[in-house]
Amino acid sequence: MVLERTAETLWMQRLLRRAAAVGAAGEIPVAAVLLDEQGRAIGWGSNRREQDQQPLGHAELVALQQAARLRRDWRFNGCTLIVTLEPCPMCAGALVQARVGRVVFGAGDPKRGGLGGVLDLSRDPSAHHHMQVEGGVEAEACSGQLERWFRQRRQQQRERRCGTPAAPAPAG
């Protein structure tokens, strides 16, 4: 299934709002949705590592688990996963194992990305399944949201260490 750019953009904007709420609750602001062959949401996920104290609480994995329960199947050949940040190697491996047909992400991750950042599991010769990958949908908004969240978190950590409020981070 290939979504029109406008549909991908609308989904990504919705995911950005969801990620903002997750970020306000203390999680890294990442959200994902898995769409079936007709473009219907069958799995929603957002980071839950802190909330659940679970190392596997990544948005992509949460969405896959929800969709698998709904469909009573673990194969998602014709499905599209949309996520605000390029999946890490763990999540990219799970997407390959789940046979997801297509992955669309917002912000690339040159330090930890598993679909083109530091490695590309979607094209690895050892992968039994190859998926389409498209990055950069609403990339500026997605990366900006993450940058602001991490800047605020670093400021809060400095304040806790020093016991005094740090200078406000520059806007933008």
C-alpha atoms as a PDB file:
ATOM      1  CA  MET A   1       0.000   0.000   0.000  1.00  0.00           C
ATOM      2  CA  VAL A   2       1.374   3.405  -0.935  1.00  0.00           C
ATOM      3  CA  LEU A   3      -0.154   6.373   0.843  1.00  0.00           C
ATOM      4  CA  GLU A   4      -0.307   9.781  -0.754  1.00  0.00           C
ATOM      5  CA  ARG A   5       2.119  12.292   0.696  1.00  0.00           C
ATOM      6  CA  THR A   6      -0.735  14.298   2.173  1.00  0.00           C
ATOM      7  CA  ALA A   7      -2.046  11.259   4.057  1.00  0.00           C
ATOM      8  CA  GLU A   8       1.433  10.510   5.424  1.00  0.00           C
ATOM      9  CA  THR A   9       1.798  14.127   6.495  1.00  0.00           C
ATOM     10  CA  LEU A  10      -1.578  14.067   8.261  1.00  0.00           C
ATOM     11  CA  TRP A  11      -0.697  10.848  10.088  1.00  0.00           C
ATOM     12  CA  MET A  12       2.695  12.272  11.069  1.00  0.00           C
ATOM     13  CA  GLN A  13       1.104  15.451  12.428  1.00  0.00           C
ATOM     14  CA  ARG A  14      -1.248  13.330  14.497  1.00  0.00           C
ATOM     15  CA  LEU A  15       1.705  11.295  15.766  1.00  0.00           C
ATOM     16  CA  LEU A  16       3.555  14.482  16.689  1.00  0.00           C
ATOM     17  CA  ARG A  17       0.643  15.523  18.913  1.00  0.00           C
ATOM     18  CA  ARG A  18       0.645  12.087  20.552  1.00  0.00           C
ATOM     19  CA  ALA A  19       4.424  12.221  21.006  1.00  0.00           C
ATOM     20  CA  ALA A  20       4.145  15.655  22.655  1.00  0.00           C
ATOM     21  CA  ALA A  21       1.793  14.215  25.276  1.00  0.00           C
ATOM     22  CA  VAL A  22       4.157  11.312  25.894  1.00  0.00           C
ATOM     23  CA  GLY A  23       7.091  13.715  26.200  1.00  0.00           C
ATOM     24  CA  ALA A  24       5.194  15.790  28.768  1.00  0.00           C
ATOM     25  CA  ALA A  25       4.796  12.605  30.812  1.00  0.00           C
ATOM     26  CA  GLY A  26       8.571  12.020  30.843  1.00  0.00           C
ATOM     27  CA  GLU A  27       9.010   9.578  27.979  1.00  0.00           C
ATOM     28  CA  ILE A  28      11.146  10.292  24.928  1.00  0.00           C
ATOM     29  CA  PRO A  29       8.531  11.770  22.552  1.00  0.00           C
ATOM     30  CA  VAL A  30       8.179   9.086  19.894  1.00  0.00           C
ATOM     31  CA  ALA A  31       4.885   7.749  18.539  1.00  0.00           C
ATOM     32  CA  ALA A  32       3.951   5.225  15.863  1.00  0.00           C
ATOM     33  CA  VAL A  33       0.923   3.863  14.061  1.00  0.00           C
ATOM     34  CA  LEU A  34       0.552   0.681  12.009  1.00  0.00           C
ATOM     35  CA  LEU A  35      -1.876   0.965   9.107  1.00  0.00           C
ATOM     36  CA  ASP A  36      -3.509  -1.975   7.374  1.00  0.00           C
ATOM     37  CA  GLU A  37      -3.778  -2.423   3.619  1.00  0.00           C
ATOM     38  CA  GLN A  38      -6.738  -0.007   3.475  1.00  0.00           C
ATOM     39  CA  GLY A  39      -4.958   2.683   5.499  1.00  0.00           C
ATOM     40  CA  ARG A  40      -6.846   2.005   8.758  1.00  0.00           C
ATOM     41  CA  ALA A  41      -4.985   2.219  12.064  1.00  0.00           C
ATOM     42  CA  ILE A  42      -4.628  -1.246  13.591  1.00  0.00           C
ATOM     43  CA  GLY A  43      -1.906  -0.505  16.139  1.00  0.00           C
ATOM     44  CA  TRP A  44      -0.898   2.614  18.043  1.00  0.00           C
ATOM     45  CA  GLY A  45       2.247   2.963  20.074  1.00  0.00           C
ATOM     46  CA  SER A  46       4.277   5.498  21.958  1.00  0.00           C
ATOM     47  CA  ASN A  47       7.356   5.109  24.095  1.00  0.00           C
ATOM     48  CA  ARG A  48       6.563   3.457  27.438  1.00  0.00           C
ATOM     49  CA  ARG A  49       9.978   2.509  28.794  1.00  0.00           C
ATOM     50  CA  GLU A  50       9.796   4.780  31.844  1.00  0.00           C
ATOM     51  CA  GLN A  51       6.101   4.253  32.513  1.00  0.00           C
ATOM     52  CA  ASP A  52       6.332   0.455  32.344  1.00  0.00           C
ATOM     53  CA  GLN A  53      10.005   0.146  33.364  1.00  0.00           C
ATOM     54  CA  GLN A  54      10.320  -1.977  30.252  1.00  0.00           C
ATOM     55  CA  PRO A  55      13.350  -1.893  27.923  1.00  0.00           C
ATOM     56  CA  LEU A  56      11.176  -3.089  25.038  1.00  0.00           C
ATOM     57  CA  GLY A  57       8.696  -0.232  25.459  1.00  0.00           C
ATOM     58  CA  HIS A  58       9.497   1.431  22.129  1.00  0.00           C
ATOM     59  CA  ALA A  59       6.639   2.969  20.143  1.00  0.00           C
ATOM     60  CA  GLU A  60       7.090   0.633  17.156  1.00  0.00           C
ATOM     61  CA  LEU A  61       6.999  -2.502  19.304  1.00  0.00           C
ATOM     62  CA  VAL A  62       3.935  -1.316  21.216  1.00  0.00           C
ATOM     63  CA  ALA A  63       2.118  -0.673  17.900  1.00  0.00           C
ATOM     64  CA  LEU A  64       3.135  -4.101  16.523  1.00  0.00           C
ATOM     65  CA  GLN A  65       1.939  -5.865  19.676  1.00  0.00           C
ATOM     66  CA  GLN A  66      -1.417  -4.106  19.602  1.00  0.00           C
ATOM     67  CA  ALA A  67      -1.913  -4.887  15.905  1.00  0.00           C
ATOM     68  CA  ALA A  68      -0.935  -8.540  16.393  1.00  0.00           C
ATOM     69  CA  ARG A  69      -3.525  -8.922  19.149  1.00  0.00           C
ATOM     70  CA  LEU A  70      -6.175  -7.230  17.005  1.00  0.00           C
ATOM     71  CA  ARG A  71      -5.471  -9.271  13.871  1.00  0.00           C
ATOM     72  CA  ARG A  72      -4.468 -12.471  15.654  1.00  0.00           C
ATOM     73  CA  ASP A  73      -1.500 -12.623  13.313  1.00  0.00           C
ATOM     74  CA  TRP A  74       2.106 -11.477  13.425  1.00  0.00           C
ATOM     75  CA  ARG A  75       2.574 -10.946   9.687  1.00  0.00           C
ATOM     76  CA  PHE A  76       2.031  -7.446   8.284  1.00  0.00           C
ATOM     77  CA  ASN A  77       3.166  -7.759   4.650  1.00  0.00           C
ATOM     78  CA  GLY A  78       0.797  -5.154   3.190  1.00  0.00           C
ATOM     79  CA  CYS A  79       0.920  -2.810   6.159  1.00  0.00           C
ATOM     80  CA  THR A  80       2.669   0.529   6.692  1.00  0.00           C
ATOM     81  CA  LEU A  81       4.255   1.665   9.925  1.00  0.00           C
ATOM     82  CA  ILE A  82       4.558   5.441  10.375  1.00  0.00           C
ATOM     83  CA  VAL A  83       6.803   6.656  13.201  1.00  0.00           C
ATOM     84  CA  THR A  84       8.201  10.021  14.231  1.00  0.00           C
ATOM     85  CA  LEU A  85      11.827   8.795  14.613  1.00  0.00           C
ATOM     86  CA  GLU A  86      13.831   6.334  12.530  1.00  0.00           C
ATOM     87  CA  PRO A  87      13.575   2.929  14.238  1.00  0.00           C
ATOM     88  CA  CYS A  88      16.553   1.710  16.239  1.00  0.00           C
ATOM     89  CA  PRO A  89      18.181  -1.626  15.289  1.00  0.00           C
ATOM     90  CA  MET A  90      15.981  -3.515  17.785  1.00  0.00           C
ATOM     91  CA  CYS A  91      12.790  -2.082  16.308  1.00  0.00           C
ATOM     92  CA  ALA A  92      14.047  -2.374  12.722  1.00  0.00           C
ATOM     93  CA  GLY A  93      14.740  -6.062  13.368  1.00  0.00           C
ATOM     94  CA  ALA A  94      11.237  -6.532  14.769  1.00  0.00           C
ATOM     95  CA  LEU A  95       9.760  -4.813  11.704  1.00  0.00           C
ATOM     96  CA  VAL A  96      11.683  -7.193   9.446  1.00  0.00           C
ATOM     97  CA  GLN A  97      10.541 -10.176  11.531  1.00  0.00           C
ATOM     98  CA  ALA A  98       6.930  -8.955  11.374  1.00  0.00           C
ATOM     99  CA  ARG A  99       7.259  -8.624   7.596  1.00  0.00           C
ATOM    100  CA  VAL A 100       6.008  -5.020   7.585  1.00  0.00           C
ATOM    101  CA  GLY A 101       5.623  -3.929   3.973  1.00  0.00           C
ATOM    102  CA  ARG A 102       6.593  -0.294   4.372  1.00  0.00           C
ATOM    103  CA  VAL A 103       8.039   2.017   7.004  1.00  0.00           C
ATOM    104  CA  VAL A 104       7.721   5.797   6.912  1.00  0.00           C
ATOM    105  CA  PHE A 105       9.614   7.846   9.484  1.00  0.00           C
ATOM    106  CA  GLY A 106      10.055  11.505  10.270  1.00  0.00           C
ATOM    107  CA  ALA A 107      13.418  12.309  11.841  1.00  0.00           C
ATOM    108  CA  GLY A 108      16.439  10.298  10.796  1.00  0.00           C
ATOM    109  CA  ASP A 109      18.764   9.016  13.516  1.00  0.00           C
ATOM    110  CA  PRO A 110      22.392   9.100  12.346  1.00  0.00           C
ATOM    111  CA  LYS A 111      23.639   7.803  15.726  1.00  0.00           C
ATOM    112  CA  ARG A 112      21.229   4.899  16.383  1.00  0.00           C
ATOM    113  CA  GLY A 113      19.037   4.437  13.316  1.00  0.00           C
ATOM    114  CA  GLY A 114      18.457   0.905  12.068  1.00  0.00           C
ATOM    115  CA  LEU A 115      16.909   1.761   8.690  1.00  0.00           C
ATOM    116  CA  GLY A 116      19.676   3.867   7.190  1.00  0.00           C
ATOM    117  CA  GLY A 117      21.176   5.824  10.097  1.00  0.00           C
ATOM    118  CA  VAL A 118      24.055   3.622  11.274  1.00  0.00           C
ATOM    119  CA  LEU A 119      22.910   0.498   9.482  1.00  0.00           C
ATOM    120  CA  ASP A 120      20.045  -0.549   7.266  1.00  0.00           C
ATOM    121  CA  LEU A 121      18.383  -3.789   8.275  1.00  0.00           C
ATOM    122  CA  SER A 122      15.801  -3.379   5.514  1.00  0.00           C
ATOM    123  CA  ARG A 123      18.522  -3.987   2.916  1.00  0.00           C
ATOM    124  CA  ASP A 124      20.796  -6.327   4.823  1.00  0.00           C
ATOM    125  CA  PRO A 125      21.551  -9.522   2.851  1.00  0.00           C
ATOM    126  CA  SER A 126      20.720 -11.620   5.925  1.00  0.00           C
ATOM    127  CA  ALA A 127      17.153 -10.252   6.127  1.00  0.00           C
ATOM    128  CA  HIS A 128      14.555 -12.735   4.913  1.00  0.00           C
ATOM    129  CA  HIS A 129      12.158  -9.871   4.242  1.00  0.00           C
ATOM    130  CA  HIS A 130      12.808  -6.548   2.548  1.00  0.00           C
ATOM    131  CA  MET A 131      10.541  -3.579   3.101  1.00  0.00           C
ATOM    132  CA  GLN A 132      10.156  -0.184   1.535  1.00  0.00           C
ATOM    133  CA  VAL A 133      11.542   2.608   3.694  1.00  0.00           C
ATOM    134  CA  GLU A 134      10.915   6.314   3.355  1.00  0.00           C
ATOM    135  CA  GLY A 135      12.373   8.848   5.741  1.00  0.00           C
ATOM    136  CA  GLY A 136      11.996  12.571   6.096  1.00  0.00           C
ATOM    137  CA  VAL A 137       8.217  12.991   6.322  1.00  0.00           C
ATOM    138  CA  GLU A 138       7.744  16.106   8.479  1.00  0.00           C
ATOM    139  CA  ALA A 139      11.418  15.658   9.397  1.00  0.00           C
ATOM    140  CA  GLU A 140      11.925  19.204  10.632  1.00  0.00           C
ATOM    141  CA  ALA A 141       8.935  19.050  12.985  1.00  0.00           C
ATOM    142  CA  CYS A 142       9.893  15.584  14.242  1.00  0.00           C
ATOM    143  CA  SER A 143      13.559  16.389  14.860  1.00  0.00           C
ATOM    144  CA  GLY A 144      12.656  19.753  16.378  1.00  0.00           C
ATOM    145  CA  GLN A 145      10.314  18.130  18.867  1.00  0.00           C
ATOM    146  CA  LEU A 146      13.022  15.687  19.953  1.00  0.00           C
ATOM    147  CA  GLU A 147      15.707  18.378  20.160  1.00  0.00           C
ATOM    148  CA  ARG A 148      13.508  20.600  22.344  1.00  0.00           C
ATOM    149  CA  TRP A 149      12.631  17.675  24.626  1.00  0.00           C
ATOM    150  CA  PHE A 150      16.277  16.659  25.120  1.00  0.00           C
ATOM    151  CA  ARG A 151      17.340  20.293  25.652  1.00  0.00           C
ATOM    152  CA  GLN A 152      14.684  20.673  28.368  1.00  0.00           C
ATOM    153  CA  ARG A 153      15.671  17.368  29.963  1.00  0.00           C
ATOM    154  CA  ARG A 154      19.354  18.372  30.104  1.00  0.00           C
ATOM    155  CA  GLN A 155      18.353  21.699  31.667  1.00  0.00           C
ATOM    156  CA  GLN A 156      16.270  19.918  34.318  1.00  0.00           C
ATOM    157  CA  GLN A 157      19.171  17.581  35.111  1.00  0.00           C
ATOM    158  CA  ARG A 158      21.542  20.552  35.526  1.00  0.00           C
ATOM    159  CA  GLU A 159      19.036  22.188  37.883  1.00  0.00           C
ATOM    160  CA  ARG A 160      18.801  19.026  39.983  1.00  0.00           C
ATOM    161  CA  ARG A 161      22.604  18.703  40.187  1.00  0.00           C
ATOM    162  CA  CYS A 162      23.255  22.360  40.973  1.00  0.00           C
ATOM    163  CA  GLY A 163      20.165  23.026  43.016  1.00  0.00           C
ATOM    164  CA  THR A 164      19.473  26.266  41.169  1.00  0.00           C
ATOM    165  CA  PRO A 165      17.483  26.982  38.058  1.00  0.00           C
ATOM    166  CA  ALA A 166      19.619  27.020  34.926  1.00  0.00           C
ATOM    167  CA  ALA A 167      19.327  29.750  32.351  1.00  0.00           C
ATOM    168  CA  PRO A 168      16.393  29.055  30.052  1.00  0.00           C
ATOM    169  CA  ALA A 169      17.239  27.240  26.854  1.00  0.00           C
ATOM    170  CA  PRO A 170      17.016  29.360  23.717  1.00  0.00           C
ATOM    171  CA  ALA A 171      13.657  29.170  21.944  1.00  0.00           C
ATOM    172  CA  GLY A 172      13.295  27.257  18.726  1.00  0.00           C
END
